[in-house]
Amino acid sequence: MADTYRIRVKGHLDDRWSDWLGGLAIHLQEDGTTVLVGPVVDQAALHGVIIRIRDLGLPLLSVRRVAGPHSNTKQG
């Protein structure tokens, strides 16, 4: 079962990048950042997403696991 991650990057991404970034939902923020949210199956997949963010030249601001397969509540 996949963990849910919340990844924040500097800059705005178009929705068209969602599939390339593992199907993560793209949420544009008013402060000029983008938040990517969704399930990531394992650490290898997470590293793949981070590498793709690097390849786009976007500064990575944060990576947080917000829910795991064994948790009943989401962490803020």
PDB file of N, CA and C in Angstrom:
ATOM      1  N   MET A   1       0.839  -1.176   0.000  1.00  0.00           N
ATOM      2  CA  MET A   1       0.000   0.000   0.000  1.00  0.00           C
ATOM      3  C   MET A   1       0.889   1.245   0.000  1.00  0.00           C
ATOM      4  N   ALA A   2       0.503   2.259  -0.742  1.00  0.00           N
ATOM      5  CA  ALA A   2       1.316   3.457  -0.936  1.00  0.00           C
ATOM      6  C   ALA A   2       1.131   4.470   0.187  1.00  0.00           C
ATOM      7  N   ASP A   3       2.188   5.223   0.448  1.00  0.00           N
ATOM      8  CA  ASP A   3       2.120   6.376   1.340  1.00  0.00           C
ATOM      9  C   ASP A   3       1.705   7.585   0.508  1.00  0.00           C
ATOM     10  N   THR A   4       1.050   8.541   1.143  1.00  0.00           N
ATOM     11  CA  THR A   4       0.700   9.790   0.469  1.00  0.00           C
ATOM     12  C   THR A   4       1.747  10.837   0.820  1.00  0.00           C
ATOM     13  N   TYR A   5       2.231  11.528  -0.205  1.00  0.00           N
ATOM     14  CA  TYR A   5       3.254  12.556  -0.019  1.00  0.00           C
ATOM     15  C   TYR A   5       2.748  13.909  -0.474  1.00  0.00           C
ATOM     16  N   ARG A   6       3.326  14.945   0.130  1.00  0.00           N
ATOM     17  CA  ARG A   6       3.064  16.341  -0.221  1.00  0.00           C
ATOM     18  C   ARG A   6       4.435  16.950  -0.518  1.00  0.00           C
ATOM     19  N   ILE A   7       4.649  17.316  -1.773  1.00  0.00           N
ATOM     20  CA  ILE A   7       5.945  17.827  -2.222  1.00  0.00           C
ATOM     21  C   ILE A   7       5.754  19.260  -2.707  1.00  0.00           C
ATOM     22  N   ARG A   8       6.522  20.176  -2.156  1.00  0.00           N
ATOM     23  CA  ARG A   8       6.415  21.589  -2.549  1.00  0.00           C
ATOM     24  C   ARG A   8       7.657  21.984  -3.347  1.00  0.00           C
ATOM     25  N   VAL A   9       7.426  22.662  -4.476  1.00  0.00           N
ATOM     26  CA  VAL A   9       8.514  23.155  -5.318  1.00  0.00           C
ATOM     27  C   VAL A   9       8.304  24.634  -5.597  1.00  0.00           C
ATOM     28  N   LYS A  10       9.389  25.317  -5.886  1.00  0.00           N
ATOM     29  CA  LYS A  10       9.315  26.726  -6.244  1.00  0.00           C
ATOM     30  C   LYS A  10       8.938  26.820  -7.716  1.00  0.00           C
ATOM     31  N   GLY A  11       7.971  27.674  -8.023  1.00  0.00           N
ATOM     32  CA  GLY A  11       7.512  27.850  -9.393  1.00  0.00           C
ATOM     33  C   GLY A  11       6.181  27.152  -9.616  1.00  0.00           C
ATOM     34  N   HIS A  12       5.579  27.439 -10.753  1.00  0.00           N
ATOM     35  CA  HIS A  12       4.295  26.842 -11.101  1.00  0.00           C
ATOM     36  C   HIS A  12       4.464  25.819 -12.211  1.00  0.00           C
ATOM     37  N   LEU A  13       3.767  24.704 -12.077  1.00  0.00           N
ATOM     38  CA  LEU A  13       3.755  23.640 -13.083  1.00  0.00           C
ATOM     39  C   LEU A  13       2.379  23.561 -13.715  1.00  0.00           C
ATOM     40  N   ASP A  14       2.328  23.288 -15.002  1.00  0.00           N
ATOM     41  CA  ASP A  14       1.061  23.022 -15.686  1.00  0.00           C
ATOM     42  C   ASP A  14       0.559  21.643 -15.287  1.00  0.00           C
ATOM     43  N   ASP A  15      -0.753  21.448 -15.369  1.00  0.00           N
ATOM     44  CA  ASP A  15      -1.351  20.144 -15.063  1.00  0.00           C
ATOM     45  C   ASP A  15      -0.810  19.030 -15.952  1.00  0.00           C
ATOM     46  N   ARG A  16      -0.317  19.380 -17.118  1.00  0.00           N
ATOM     47  CA  ARG A  16       0.169  18.356 -18.065  1.00  0.00           C
ATOM     48  C   ARG A  16       1.356  17.561 -17.518  1.00  0.00           C
ATOM     49  N   TRP A  17       2.022  18.065 -16.476  1.00  0.00           N
ATOM     50  CA  TRP A  17       3.167  17.362 -15.892  1.00  0.00           C
ATOM     51  C   TRP A  17       2.749  16.266 -14.919  1.00  0.00           C
ATOM     52  N   SER A  18       1.487  16.195 -14.567  1.00  0.00           N
ATOM     53  CA  SER A  18       1.015  15.239 -13.571  1.00  0.00           C
ATOM     54  C   SER A  18       1.392  13.794 -13.915  1.00  0.00           C
ATOM     55  N   ASP A  19       1.117  13.351 -15.122  1.00  0.00           N
ATOM     56  CA  ASP A  19       1.433  11.969 -15.506  1.00  0.00           C
ATOM     57  C   ASP A  19       2.930  11.698 -15.424  1.00  0.00           C
ATOM     58  N   TRP A  20       3.727  12.639 -15.860  1.00  0.00           N
ATOM     59  CA  TRP A  20       5.183  12.470 -15.857  1.00  0.00           C
ATOM     60  C   TRP A  20       5.726  12.407 -14.433  1.00  0.00           C
ATOM     61  N   LEU A  21       4.979  13.008 -13.503  1.00  0.00           N
ATOM     62  CA  LEU A  21       5.391  13.009 -12.094  1.00  0.00           C
ATOM     63  C   LEU A  21       4.629  11.962 -11.291  1.00  0.00           C
ATOM     64  N   GLY A  22       4.349  10.850 -11.907  1.00  0.00           N
ATOM     65  CA  GLY A  22       3.750   9.719 -11.205  1.00  0.00           C
ATOM     66  C   GLY A  22       2.277   9.861 -10.901  1.00  0.00           C
ATOM     67  N   GLY A  23       1.585  10.760 -11.590  1.00  0.00           N
ATOM     68  CA  GLY A  23       0.157  10.943 -11.371  1.00  0.00           C
ATOM     69  C   GLY A  23      -0.182  11.811 -10.176  1.00  0.00           C
ATOM     70  N   LEU A  24       0.801  12.495  -9.615  1.00  0.00           N
ATOM     71  CA  LEU A  24       0.540  13.368  -8.472  1.00  0.00           C
ATOM     72  C   LEU A  24      -0.336  14.543  -8.889  1.00  0.00           C
ATOM     73  N   ALA A  25      -1.257  14.930  -8.025  1.00  0.00           N
ATOM     74  CA  ALA A  25      -2.108  16.090  -8.279  1.00  0.00           C
ATOM     75  C   ALA A  25      -1.267  17.353  -8.139  1.00  0.00           C
ATOM     76  N   ILE A  26      -1.526  18.321  -8.997  1.00  0.00           N
ATOM     77  CA  ILE A  26      -0.770  19.568  -9.013  1.00  0.00           C
ATOM     78  C   ILE A  26      -1.661  20.691  -8.501  1.00  0.00           C
ATOM     79  N   HIS A  27      -1.206  21.359  -7.428  1.00  0.00           N
ATOM     80  CA  HIS A  27      -1.949  22.462  -6.834  1.00  0.00           C
ATOM     81  C   HIS A  27      -1.073  23.705  -6.839  1.00  0.00           C
ATOM     82  N   LEU A  28      -1.466  24.716  -7.621  1.00  0.00           N
ATOM     83  CA  LEU A  28      -0.719  25.970  -7.680  1.00  0.00           C
ATOM     84  C   LEU A  28      -1.076  26.823  -6.473  1.00  0.00           C
ATOM     85  N   GLN A  29      -0.066  27.418  -5.857  1.00  0.00           N
ATOM     86  CA  GLN A  29      -0.258  28.246  -4.681  1.00  0.00           C
ATOM     87  C   GLN A  29      -0.051  29.714  -5.041  1.00  0.00           C
ATOM     88  N   GLU A  30      -0.716  30.596  -4.310  1.00  0.00           N
ATOM     89  CA  GLU A  30      -0.610  32.036  -4.576  1.00  0.00           C
ATOM     90  C   GLU A  30       0.791  32.583  -4.331  1.00  0.00           C
ATOM     91  N   ASP A  31       1.583  31.877  -3.524  1.00  0.00           N
ATOM     92  CA  ASP A  31       2.936  32.352  -3.221  1.00  0.00           C
ATOM     93  C   ASP A  31       3.959  31.983  -4.287  1.00  0.00           C
ATOM     94  N   GLY A  32       3.490  31.461  -5.425  1.00  0.00           N
ATOM     95  CA  GLY A  32       4.396  31.126  -6.522  1.00  0.00           C
ATOM     96  C   GLY A  32       4.985  29.730  -6.446  1.00  0.00           C
ATOM     97  N   THR A  33       4.462  28.907  -5.542  1.00  0.00           N
ATOM     98  CA  THR A  33       4.934  27.538  -5.433  1.00  0.00           C
ATOM     99  C   THR A  33       3.877  26.575  -5.971  1.00  0.00           C
ATOM    100  N   THR A  34       4.291  25.329  -6.154  1.00  0.00           N
ATOM    101  CA  THR A  34       3.387  24.259  -6.555  1.00  0.00           C
ATOM    102  C   THR A  34       3.481  23.157  -5.520  1.00  0.00           C
ATOM    103  N   VAL A  35       2.323  22.610  -5.138  1.00  0.00           N
ATOM    104  CA  VAL A  35       2.288  21.479  -4.225  1.00  0.00           C
ATOM    105  C   VAL A  35       1.811  20.266  -5.013  1.00  0.00           C
ATOM    106  N   LEU A  36       2.594  19.205  -4.966  1.00  0.00           N
ATOM    107  CA  LEU A  36       2.259  17.934  -5.600  1.00  0.00           C
ATOM    108  C   LEU A  36       1.801  16.992  -4.498  1.00  0.00           C
ATOM    109  N   VAL A  37       0.636  16.368  -4.679  1.00  0.00           N
ATOM    110  CA  VAL A  37       0.089  15.514  -3.643  1.00  0.00           C
ATOM    111  C   VAL A  37      -0.422  14.220  -4.253  1.00  0.00           C
ATOM    112  N   GLY A  38      -0.123  13.118  -3.582  1.00  0.00           N
ATOM    113  CA  GLY A  38      -0.667  11.844  -4.027  1.00  0.00           C
ATOM    114  C   GLY A  38       0.109  10.671  -3.490  1.00  0.00           C
ATOM    115  N   PRO A  39      -0.382   9.492  -3.818  1.00  0.00           N
ATOM    116  CA  PRO A  39       0.281   8.277  -3.343  1.00  0.00           C
ATOM    117  C   PRO A  39       1.570   7.998  -4.112  1.00  0.00           C
ATOM    118  N   VAL A  40       2.558   7.509  -3.376  1.00  0.00           N
ATOM    119  CA  VAL A  40       3.829   7.089  -3.961  1.00  0.00           C
ATOM    120  C   VAL A  40       4.081   5.677  -3.430  1.00  0.00           C
ATOM    121  N   VAL A  41       4.252   4.712  -4.338  1.00  0.00           N
ATOM    122  CA  VAL A  41       4.258   3.302  -3.952  1.00  0.00           C
ATOM    123  C   VAL A  41       5.433   2.872  -3.085  1.00  0.00           C
ATOM    124  N   ASP A  42       6.603   3.472  -3.275  1.00  0.00           N
ATOM    125  CA  ASP A  42       7.763   3.091  -2.480  1.00  0.00           C
ATOM    126  C   ASP A  42       8.845   4.156  -2.590  1.00  0.00           C
ATOM    127  N   GLN A  43       9.950   3.945  -1.889  1.00  0.00           N
ATOM    128  CA  GLN A  43      11.036   4.920  -1.879  1.00  0.00           C
ATOM    129  C   GLN A  43      11.662   5.109  -3.258  1.00  0.00           C
ATOM    130  N   ALA A  44      11.746   4.044  -4.039  1.00  0.00           N
ATOM    131  CA  ALA A  44      12.301   4.163  -5.395  1.00  0.00           C
ATOM    132  C   ALA A  44      11.442   5.097  -6.239  1.00  0.00           C
ATOM    133  N   ALA A  45      10.124   4.984  -6.127  1.00  0.00           N
ATOM    134  CA  ALA A  45       9.222   5.864  -6.876  1.00  0.00           C
ATOM    135  C   ALA A  45       9.351   7.301  -6.389  1.00  0.00           C
ATOM    136  N   LEU A  46       9.497   7.494  -5.075  1.00  0.00           N
ATOM    137  CA  LEU A  46       9.680   8.838  -4.525  1.00  0.00           C
ATOM    138  C   LEU A  46      10.963   9.463  -5.061  1.00  0.00           C
ATOM    139  N   HIS A  47      12.041   8.700  -5.078  1.00  0.00           N
ATOM    140  CA  HIS A  47      13.306   9.209  -5.622  1.00  0.00           C
ATOM    141  C   HIS A  47      13.153   9.546  -7.101  1.00  0.00           C
ATOM    142  N   GLY A  48      12.373   8.750  -7.827  1.00  0.00           N
ATOM    143  CA  GLY A  48      12.123   9.034  -9.241  1.00  0.00           C
ATOM    144  C   GLY A  48      11.425  10.367  -9.432  1.00  0.00           C
ATOM    145  N   VAL A  49      10.425  10.659  -8.596  1.00  0.00           N
ATOM    146  CA  VAL A  49       9.718  11.940  -8.676  1.00  0.00           C
ATOM    147  C   VAL A  49      10.680  13.084  -8.365  1.00  0.00           C
ATOM    148  N   ILE A  50      11.493  12.910  -7.334  1.00  0.00           N
ATOM    149  CA  ILE A  50      12.443  13.960  -6.960  1.00  0.00           C
ATOM    150  C   ILE A  50      13.454  14.205  -8.076  1.00  0.00           C
ATOM    151  N   ILE A  51      13.907  13.164  -8.721  1.00  0.00           N
ATOM    152  CA  ILE A  51      14.844  13.310  -9.847  1.00  0.00           C
ATOM    153  C   ILE A  51      14.178  14.057 -11.001  1.00  0.00           C
ATOM    154  N   ARG A  52      12.912  13.780 -11.264  1.00  0.00           N
ATOM    155  CA  ARG A  52      12.208  14.474 -12.342  1.00  0.00           C
ATOM    156  C   ARG A  52      12.021  15.951 -12.016  1.00  0.00           C
ATOM    157  N   ILE A  53      11.753  16.250 -10.747  1.00  0.00           N
ATOM    158  CA  ILE A  53      11.663  17.652 -10.335  1.00  0.00           C
ATOM    159  C   ILE A  53      13.002  18.340 -10.572  1.00  0.00           C
ATOM    160  N   ARG A  54      14.086  17.664 -10.217  1.00  0.00           N
ATOM    161  CA  ARG A  54      15.425  18.211 -10.473  1.00  0.00           C
ATOM    162  C   ARG A  54      15.642  18.439 -11.963  1.00  0.00           C
ATOM    163  N   ASP A  55      15.228  17.469 -12.779  1.00  0.00           N
ATOM    164  CA  ASP A  55      15.414  17.580 -14.226  1.00  0.00           C
ATOM    165  C   ASP A  55      14.640  18.758 -14.818  1.00  0.00           C
ATOM    166  N   LEU A  56      13.534  19.155 -14.172  1.00  0.00           N
ATOM    167  CA  LEU A  56      12.768  20.321 -14.615  1.00  0.00           C
ATOM    168  C   LEU A  56      13.419  21.629 -14.174  1.00  0.00           C
ATOM    169  N   GLY A  57      14.416  21.526 -13.303  1.00  0.00           N
ATOM    170  CA  GLY A  57      15.109  22.720 -12.825  1.00  0.00           C
ATOM    171  C   GLY A  57      14.346  23.473 -11.751  1.00  0.00           C
ATOM    172  N   LEU A  58      13.396  22.799 -11.098  1.00  0.00           N
ATOM    173  CA  LEU A  58      12.605  23.448 -10.056  1.00  0.00           C
ATOM    174  C   LEU A  58      13.249  23.220  -8.686  1.00  0.00           C
ATOM    175  N   PRO A  59      13.434  24.277  -7.907  1.00  0.00           N
ATOM    176  CA  PRO A  59      13.962  24.092  -6.560  1.00  0.00           C
ATOM    177  C   PRO A  59      12.970  23.307  -5.696  1.00  0.00           C
ATOM    178  N   LEU A  60      13.451  22.274  -5.044  1.00  0.00           N
ATOM    179  CA  LEU A  60      12.648  21.457  -4.138  1.00  0.00           C
ATOM    180  C   LEU A  60      12.620  22.150  -2.779  1.00  0.00           C
ATOM    181  N   LEU A  61      11.420  22.457  -2.288  1.00  0.00           N
ATOM    182  CA  LEU A  61      11.287  23.171  -1.020  1.00  0.00           C
ATOM    183  C   LEU A  61      10.995  22.241   0.150  1.00  0.00           C
ATOM    184  N   SER A  62      10.162  21.210  -0.073  1.00  0.00           N
ATOM    185  CA  SER A  62       9.887  20.272   1.011  1.00  0.00           C
ATOM    186  C   SER A  62       9.278  18.988   0.473  1.00  0.00           C
ATOM    187  N   VAL A  63       9.481  17.916   1.248  1.00  0.00           N
ATOM    188  CA  VAL A  63       8.876  16.611   0.968  1.00  0.00           C
ATOM    189  C   VAL A  63       8.353  16.101   2.302  1.00  0.00           C
ATOM    190  N   ARG A  64       7.041  15.815   2.359  1.00  0.00           N
ATOM    191  CA  ARG A  64       6.441  15.324   3.602  1.00  0.00           C
ATOM    192  C   ARG A  64       5.541  14.136   3.328  1.00  0.00           C
ATOM    193  N   ARG A  65       5.687  13.118   4.159  1.00  0.00           N
ATOM    194  CA  ARG A  65       4.732  12.011   4.113  1.00  0.00           C
ATOM    195  C   ARG A  65       3.556  12.438   4.969  1.00  0.00           C
ATOM    196  N   VAL A  66       2.364  12.505   4.387  1.00  0.00           N
ATOM    197  CA  VAL A  66       1.199  12.984   5.127  1.00  0.00           C
ATOM    198  C   VAL A  66       0.283  11.848   5.571  1.00  0.00           C
ATOM    199  N   ALA A  67       0.415  10.699   4.957  1.00  0.00           N
ATOM    200  CA  ALA A  67      -0.380   9.543   5.367  1.00  0.00           C
ATOM    201  C   ALA A  67       0.309   8.276   4.887  1.00  0.00           C
ATOM    202  N   GLY A  68       0.283   7.263   5.746  1.00  0.00           N
ATOM    203  CA  GLY A  68       0.871   5.988   5.396  1.00  0.00           C
ATOM    204  C   GLY A  68      -0.163   4.889   5.474  1.00  0.00           C
ATOM    205  N   PRO A  69       0.204   3.699   5.062  1.00  0.00           N
ATOM    206  CA  PRO A  69      -0.753   2.596   5.033  1.00  0.00           C
ATOM    207  C   PRO A  69      -1.204   2.146   6.418  1.00  0.00           C
ATOM    208  N   HIS A  70      -0.458   2.496   7.456  1.00  0.00           N
ATOM    209  CA  HIS A  70      -0.806   2.064   8.803  1.00  0.00           C
ATOM    210  C   HIS A  70      -1.351   3.186   9.668  1.00  0.00           C
ATOM    211  N   SER A  71      -1.582   4.361   9.085  1.00  0.00           N
ATOM    212  CA  SER A  71      -2.094   5.472   9.877  1.00  0.00           C
ATOM    213  C   SER A  71      -3.580   5.662   9.603  1.00  0.00           C
ATOM    214  N   ASN A  72      -4.302   6.058  10.635  1.00  0.00           N
ATOM    215  CA  ASN A  72      -5.738   6.308  10.502  1.00  0.00           C
ATOM    216  C   ASN A  72      -6.051   7.775  10.309  1.00  0.00           C
ATOM    217  N   THR A  73      -5.069   8.645  10.574  1.00  0.00           N
ATOM    218  CA  THR A  73      -5.280  10.082  10.418  1.00  0.00           C
ATOM    219  C   THR A  73      -4.143  10.662   9.614  1.00  0.00           C
ATOM    220  N   LYS A  74      -4.450  11.769   8.938  1.00  0.00           N
ATOM    221  CA  LYS A  74      -3.413  12.471   8.190  1.00  0.00           C
ATOM    222  C   LYS A  74      -2.669  13.391   9.123  1.00  0.00           C
ATOM    223  N   GLN A  75      -1.371  13.534   8.848  1.00  0.00           N
ATOM    224  CA  GLN A  75      -0.557  14.465   9.604  1.00  0.00           C
ATOM    225  C   GLN A  75      -0.534  15.782   8.857  1.00  0.00           C
ATOM    226  N   GLY A  76      -0.569  16.919   9.591  1.00  0.00           N
ATOM    227  CA  GLY A  76      -0.591  18.241   8.975  1.00  0.00           C
ATOM    228  C   GLY A  76       0.674  18.554   8.349  1.00  0.00           C
TER     229      GLY A  76
END
